[in-house]
N, C-alpha and C. Protein backbone atom coordinates (compact mmCIF):
# COMPACT_ATOMS: atom_id res chain seq x y z
N MET A 1 29.33 -3.47 -0.31
CA MET A 1 28.39 -4.08 0.61
C MET A 1 27.20 -4.60 -0.19
N VAL A 2 26.83 -5.84 0.01
CA VAL A 2 25.72 -6.47 -0.70
C VAL A 2 24.52 -6.50 0.25
N PRO A 3 23.39 -5.92 -0.16
CA PRO A 3 22.23 -5.94 0.72
C PRO A 3 21.71 -7.36 0.92
N THR A 4 21.33 -7.68 2.15
CA THR A 4 20.82 -9.01 2.45
C THR A 4 19.32 -9.08 2.33
N LYS A 5 18.66 -7.93 2.40
CA LYS A 5 17.21 -7.89 2.29
C LYS A 5 16.84 -7.04 1.09
N PRO A 6 15.69 -7.32 0.44
CA PRO A 6 15.34 -6.56 -0.76
C PRO A 6 15.09 -5.09 -0.48
N TRP A 7 14.71 -4.73 0.76
CA TRP A 7 14.43 -3.33 1.05
C TRP A 7 15.64 -2.57 1.59
N SER A 8 16.75 -3.27 1.87
CA SER A 8 17.94 -2.57 2.35
C SER A 8 18.72 -2.03 1.16
N ARG A 9 19.46 -0.95 1.38
CA ARG A 9 20.20 -0.34 0.29
C ARG A 9 21.62 -0.05 0.75
N PRO A 10 22.59 -0.16 -0.14
CA PRO A 10 23.96 0.22 0.21
C PRO A 10 24.02 1.72 0.46
N ALA A 11 24.91 2.15 1.34
CA ALA A 11 25.01 3.56 1.70
C ALA A 11 25.45 4.41 0.51
N ALA A 12 26.14 3.83 -0.46
CA ALA A 12 26.65 4.60 -1.59
C ALA A 12 25.56 4.94 -2.61
N VAL A 13 24.42 4.27 -2.56
CA VAL A 13 23.34 4.50 -3.53
C VAL A 13 22.41 5.57 -2.96
N PRO A 14 22.19 6.68 -3.68
CA PRO A 14 21.26 7.70 -3.20
C PRO A 14 19.85 7.12 -3.03
N LEU A 15 19.13 7.64 -2.06
CA LEU A 15 17.81 7.11 -1.74
C LEU A 15 16.87 7.18 -2.93
N ARG A 16 16.88 8.28 -3.67
CA ARG A 16 15.98 8.43 -4.82
C ARG A 16 16.27 7.36 -5.87
N GLU A 17 17.55 7.16 -6.17
CA GLU A 17 17.92 6.16 -7.17
C GLU A 17 17.51 4.76 -6.70
N TRP A 18 17.72 4.49 -5.42
CA TRP A 18 17.35 3.18 -4.88
C TRP A 18 15.84 2.98 -4.99
N ALA A 19 15.06 4.02 -4.66
CA ALA A 19 13.61 3.91 -4.73
C ALA A 19 13.15 3.67 -6.17
N LEU A 20 13.76 4.36 -7.12
CA LEU A 20 13.39 4.17 -8.52
C LEU A 20 13.72 2.77 -9.01
N ARG A 21 14.87 2.25 -8.61
CA ARG A 21 15.24 0.87 -8.97
C ARG A 21 14.25 -0.12 -8.37
N ASP A 22 13.86 0.11 -7.10
CA ASP A 22 12.93 -0.80 -6.43
C ASP A 22 11.58 -0.78 -7.12
N ARG A 23 11.09 0.42 -7.49
CA ARG A 23 9.82 0.50 -8.21
C ARG A 23 9.90 -0.22 -9.54
N GLU A 24 11.02 -0.07 -10.24
CA GLU A 24 11.19 -0.74 -11.53
C GLU A 24 11.20 -2.25 -11.34
N ARG A 25 11.87 -2.71 -10.28
CA ARG A 25 11.94 -4.14 -10.00
C ARG A 25 10.56 -4.72 -9.72
N ARG A 26 9.71 -3.94 -9.02
CA ARG A 26 8.38 -4.41 -8.69
C ARG A 26 7.36 -4.13 -9.79
N GLY A 27 7.76 -3.41 -10.84
CA GLY A 27 6.86 -3.15 -11.97
C GLY A 27 5.89 -2.03 -11.73
N ILE A 28 6.24 -1.07 -10.87
CA ILE A 28 5.37 0.06 -10.59
C ILE A 28 5.78 1.22 -11.47
N THR A 29 4.82 1.78 -12.19
CA THR A 29 5.12 2.91 -13.06
C THR A 29 5.11 4.20 -12.24
N ALA A 30 5.63 5.27 -12.81
CA ALA A 30 5.71 6.55 -12.11
C ALA A 30 4.32 7.08 -11.80
N ALA A 31 3.35 6.90 -12.69
CA ALA A 31 2.00 7.39 -12.46
C ALA A 31 1.36 6.69 -11.27
N VAL A 32 1.56 5.38 -11.15
CA VAL A 32 0.99 4.63 -10.04
C VAL A 32 1.69 5.02 -8.74
N ALA A 33 2.99 5.24 -8.79
CA ALA A 33 3.74 5.60 -7.60
C ALA A 33 3.30 6.96 -7.06
N LYS A 34 2.88 7.86 -7.93
CA LYS A 34 2.44 9.19 -7.50
C LYS A 34 1.01 9.17 -6.98
N GLY A 35 0.34 8.06 -7.08
CA GLY A 35 -1.02 7.96 -6.56
C GLY A 35 -2.10 7.99 -7.61
N ALA A 36 -1.74 8.11 -8.86
CA ALA A 36 -2.74 8.12 -9.93
C ALA A 36 -3.31 6.71 -10.08
N GLN A 37 -4.53 6.66 -10.47
CA GLN A 37 -5.17 5.37 -10.67
C GLN A 37 -4.64 4.73 -11.95
N PRO A 38 -4.26 3.46 -11.89
CA PRO A 38 -3.82 2.79 -13.12
C PRO A 38 -4.98 2.63 -14.08
N ARG A 39 -4.67 2.61 -15.35
CA ARG A 39 -5.72 2.43 -16.35
C ARG A 39 -6.32 1.05 -16.21
N GLU A 40 -7.60 1.00 -16.41
CA GLU A 40 -8.31 -0.27 -16.32
C GLU A 40 -7.99 -1.12 -17.55
N ALA A 41 -7.83 -2.38 -17.33
CA ALA A 41 -7.57 -3.31 -18.42
C ALA A 41 -8.88 -3.53 -19.20
N VAL A 42 -8.74 -3.94 -20.41
CA VAL A 42 -9.90 -4.26 -21.22
C VAL A 42 -10.58 -5.48 -20.60
N PRO A 43 -11.91 -5.41 -20.38
CA PRO A 43 -12.59 -6.53 -19.75
C PRO A 43 -12.46 -7.81 -20.58
N SER A 44 -12.29 -8.89 -19.88
CA SER A 44 -12.15 -10.18 -20.54
C SER A 44 -13.52 -10.73 -20.91
N ALA A 45 -13.57 -11.47 -21.97
CA ALA A 45 -14.82 -12.11 -22.37
C ALA A 45 -15.07 -13.37 -21.54
N ASP A 46 -14.05 -13.85 -20.86
CA ASP A 46 -14.17 -15.07 -20.07
C ASP A 46 -14.85 -14.76 -18.73
N PRO A 47 -16.02 -15.32 -18.47
CA PRO A 47 -16.73 -15.02 -17.21
C PRO A 47 -15.96 -15.49 -15.97
N ASP A 48 -15.20 -16.58 -16.10
CA ASP A 48 -14.44 -17.07 -14.94
C ASP A 48 -13.36 -16.07 -14.54
N GLU A 49 -12.71 -15.48 -15.53
CA GLU A 49 -11.66 -14.50 -15.23
C GLU A 49 -12.27 -13.25 -14.60
N ARG A 50 -13.42 -12.85 -15.10
CA ARG A 50 -14.11 -11.68 -14.53
C ARG A 50 -14.49 -11.95 -13.08
N GLU A 51 -14.99 -13.13 -12.82
CA GLU A 51 -15.36 -13.50 -11.45
C GLU A 51 -14.13 -13.50 -10.54
N TRP A 52 -13.02 -14.04 -11.04
CA TRP A 52 -11.79 -14.07 -10.27
C TRP A 52 -11.33 -12.65 -9.94
N ARG A 53 -11.39 -11.74 -10.94
CA ARG A 53 -10.98 -10.35 -10.71
C ARG A 53 -11.87 -9.67 -9.68
N LEU A 54 -13.17 -9.91 -9.76
CA LEU A 54 -14.10 -9.31 -8.80
C LEU A 54 -13.83 -9.84 -7.39
N GLU A 55 -13.56 -11.12 -7.26
CA GLU A 55 -13.24 -11.69 -5.94
C GLU A 55 -11.95 -11.10 -5.39
N ALA A 56 -10.96 -10.93 -6.26
CA ALA A 56 -9.69 -10.34 -5.82
C ALA A 56 -9.90 -8.91 -5.37
N ARG A 57 -10.71 -8.15 -6.11
CA ARG A 57 -10.99 -6.76 -5.73
C ARG A 57 -11.75 -6.72 -4.41
N GLY A 58 -12.67 -7.66 -4.22
CA GLY A 58 -13.40 -7.74 -2.95
C GLY A 58 -12.47 -8.01 -1.78
N ASP A 59 -11.50 -8.90 -1.99
CA ASP A 59 -10.51 -9.19 -0.95
C ASP A 59 -9.68 -7.95 -0.62
N GLU A 60 -9.31 -7.19 -1.65
CA GLU A 60 -8.54 -5.95 -1.43
C GLU A 60 -9.35 -4.96 -0.61
N LEU A 61 -10.63 -4.83 -0.94
CA LEU A 61 -11.48 -3.89 -0.22
C LEU A 61 -11.69 -4.31 1.23
N GLU A 62 -11.83 -5.61 1.48
CA GLU A 62 -11.97 -6.10 2.85
C GLU A 62 -10.70 -5.83 3.66
N ALA A 63 -9.54 -6.03 3.05
CA ALA A 63 -8.28 -5.76 3.74
C ALA A 63 -8.16 -4.27 4.06
N SER A 64 -8.55 -3.44 3.12
CA SER A 64 -8.51 -2.00 3.34
C SER A 64 -9.47 -1.60 4.47
N GLU A 65 -10.63 -2.20 4.50
CA GLU A 65 -11.61 -1.91 5.55
C GLU A 65 -11.07 -2.32 6.92
N ARG A 66 -10.42 -3.48 7.00
CA ARG A 66 -9.83 -3.92 8.27
C ARG A 66 -8.75 -2.95 8.73
N LYS A 67 -7.93 -2.49 7.79
CA LYS A 67 -6.86 -1.55 8.13
C LYS A 67 -7.43 -0.24 8.66
N LEU A 68 -8.45 0.27 7.98
CA LEU A 68 -9.07 1.52 8.41
C LEU A 68 -9.75 1.37 9.77
N ALA A 69 -10.38 0.23 10.02
CA ALA A 69 -11.02 0.00 11.32
C ALA A 69 -9.97 -0.04 12.43
N THR A 70 -8.84 -0.68 12.17
CA THR A 70 -7.76 -0.73 13.15
C THR A 70 -7.22 0.67 13.43
N GLU A 71 -6.99 1.44 12.38
CA GLU A 71 -6.50 2.81 12.57
C GLU A 71 -7.51 3.64 13.35
N ARG A 72 -8.80 3.49 13.05
CA ARG A 72 -9.83 4.23 13.76
C ARG A 72 -9.84 3.88 15.24
N ASP A 73 -9.70 2.58 15.56
CA ASP A 73 -9.67 2.16 16.95
C ASP A 73 -8.47 2.72 17.69
N ILE A 74 -7.32 2.72 17.03
CA ILE A 74 -6.11 3.28 17.64
C ILE A 74 -6.30 4.76 17.93
N LEU A 75 -6.83 5.49 16.96
CA LEU A 75 -7.06 6.92 17.16
C LEU A 75 -8.09 7.18 18.26
N ARG A 76 -9.12 6.37 18.32
CA ARG A 76 -10.14 6.53 19.36
C ARG A 76 -9.52 6.32 20.74
N LYS A 77 -8.71 5.27 20.89
CA LYS A 77 -8.06 5.00 22.17
C LYS A 77 -7.08 6.10 22.55
N ALA A 78 -6.35 6.61 21.56
CA ALA A 78 -5.41 7.69 21.83
C ALA A 78 -6.15 8.95 22.27
N ALA A 79 -7.24 9.26 21.62
CA ALA A 79 -8.02 10.44 22.00
C ALA A 79 -8.58 10.29 23.41
N LYS A 80 -9.05 9.11 23.75
CA LYS A 80 -9.58 8.86 25.09
C LYS A 80 -8.48 9.00 26.13
N TYR A 81 -7.32 8.47 25.84
CA TYR A 81 -6.19 8.56 26.77
C TYR A 81 -5.75 10.01 26.96
N LEU A 82 -5.61 10.74 25.85
CA LEU A 82 -5.16 12.13 25.95
C LEU A 82 -6.21 13.01 26.62
N ALA A 83 -7.49 12.72 26.44
CA ALA A 83 -8.54 13.49 27.11
C ALA A 83 -8.48 13.29 28.61
N GLY A 84 -8.12 12.10 29.04
CA GLY A 84 -7.99 11.83 30.47
C GLY A 84 -6.75 12.42 31.08
N GLU A 85 -5.71 12.63 30.29
CA GLU A 85 -4.43 13.14 30.76
C GLU A 85 -4.41 14.66 30.91
N THR A 86 -5.30 15.36 30.22
CA THR A 86 -5.27 16.83 30.29
C THR A 86 -6.03 17.29 31.53
N ASN A 87 -5.37 18.05 32.34
CA ASN A 87 -5.99 18.62 33.55
C ASN A 87 -5.84 20.13 33.48
N TRP A 88 -6.57 20.77 32.63
CA TRP A 88 -6.44 22.20 32.42
C TRP A 88 -7.30 22.90 33.38
């Protein structure tokens, strides 16, 4: 069986082996996969590259902030709903 999507796996391949192959394909090291912070690259002398990296990091932080705000809103709504449903 040939997978049609990059995240699908044949049934004959163990999940751990499939995950390791996928990480290797995407260039993720074991330390990064476990949650360790990747080592910082040596800063570039080129100011344009530094500015580009800072803008990219800012975009990542904004996306993370949006995700956290969405999760917070979902949890707030769930708590409000569950508080109204309990009639103890």
